[in-house]
């Protein structure tokens, strides 16, 4: 058994952070050194889960 994750051991591009999906269509990652937002992430969450209100701003603009 190894303490290294399977994707790290296999050399697969991935990120251990969470990708945050914003209602405005942009994504961001919780890891500062994220290799790419197109990589597989350990977690995926909507921005309202972290207190972002961009969905409210869109609704007010309509």
Protein backbone atom coordinates (compact mmCIF):
# COMPACT_ATOMS: atom_id res chain seq x y z
CA UNK A 1 0.00 0.00 0.00
CA UNK A 2 1.23 3.51 -0.84
CA UNK A 3 0.44 6.92 0.61
CA UNK A 4 0.58 8.43 -2.89
CA UNK A 5 -2.72 8.86 -4.76
CA UNK A 6 -3.32 6.58 -7.74
CA UNK A 7 -3.39 9.41 -10.27
CA UNK A 8 -0.08 10.80 -8.97
CA UNK A 9 1.50 7.35 -9.17
CA UNK A 10 0.18 6.85 -12.71
CA UNK A 11 1.27 10.31 -13.87
CA UNK A 12 -2.29 11.28 -14.80
CA UNK A 13 -3.01 15.02 -14.94
CA UNK A 14 -5.31 15.88 -12.03
CA UNK A 15 -5.78 18.24 -9.11
CA UNK A 16 -6.37 17.49 -5.43
CA UNK A 17 -8.43 20.64 -5.01
CA UNK A 18 -12.07 21.44 -5.70
CA UNK A 19 -13.22 23.14 -8.88
CA UNK A 20 -15.81 25.82 -8.11
CA UNK A 21 -18.45 26.34 -10.80
CA UNK A 22 -19.73 29.91 -10.96
CA UNK A 23 -23.10 30.87 -12.43
CA UNK A 24 -21.32 33.41 -14.61
CA UNK A 25 -19.71 30.50 -16.45
CA UNK A 26 -16.18 30.76 -15.12
CA UNK A 27 -14.53 28.14 -12.96
CA UNK A 28 -11.84 28.45 -10.35
CA UNK A 29 -9.90 26.00 -8.22
CA UNK A 30 -9.24 26.01 -4.49
CA UNK A 31 -5.61 25.04 -5.12
CA UNK A 32 -3.25 27.90 -5.97
CA UNK A 33 -0.99 25.62 -8.02
CA UNK A 34 -3.76 23.93 -10.02
CA UNK A 35 -2.24 22.62 -13.26
CA UNK A 36 -5.36 23.29 -15.31
CA UNK A 37 -9.07 23.72 -14.75
CA UNK A 38 -9.64 21.11 -17.46
CA UNK A 39 -7.96 18.44 -15.33
CA UNK A 40 -9.89 15.99 -13.22
CA UNK A 41 -10.52 17.38 -9.74
CA UNK A 42 -11.10 15.54 -6.49
CA UNK A 43 -14.23 17.60 -5.83
CA UNK A 44 -16.63 19.79 -7.78
CA UNK A 45 -18.95 22.31 -6.10
CA UNK A 46 -21.31 25.13 -7.05
CA UNK A 47 -20.20 28.58 -5.98
CA UNK A 48 -23.16 29.15 -3.67
CA UNK A 49 -21.72 26.41 -1.43
CA UNK A 50 -18.86 28.77 -0.59
CA UNK A 51 -21.00 31.88 -0.19
CA UNK A 52 -20.68 33.35 -3.68
CA UNK A 53 -23.75 35.26 -4.86
CA UNK A 54 -23.05 35.60 -8.59
CA UNK A 55 -26.29 33.71 -9.34
CA UNK A 56 -28.22 36.42 -7.46
CA UNK A 57 -26.46 39.12 -9.47
CA UNK A 58 -27.51 37.42 -12.71
CA UNK A 59 -31.12 37.16 -11.54
CA UNK A 60 -31.17 40.87 -10.59
CA UNK A 61 -29.82 41.87 -14.00
CA UNK A 62 -32.65 40.11 -15.85
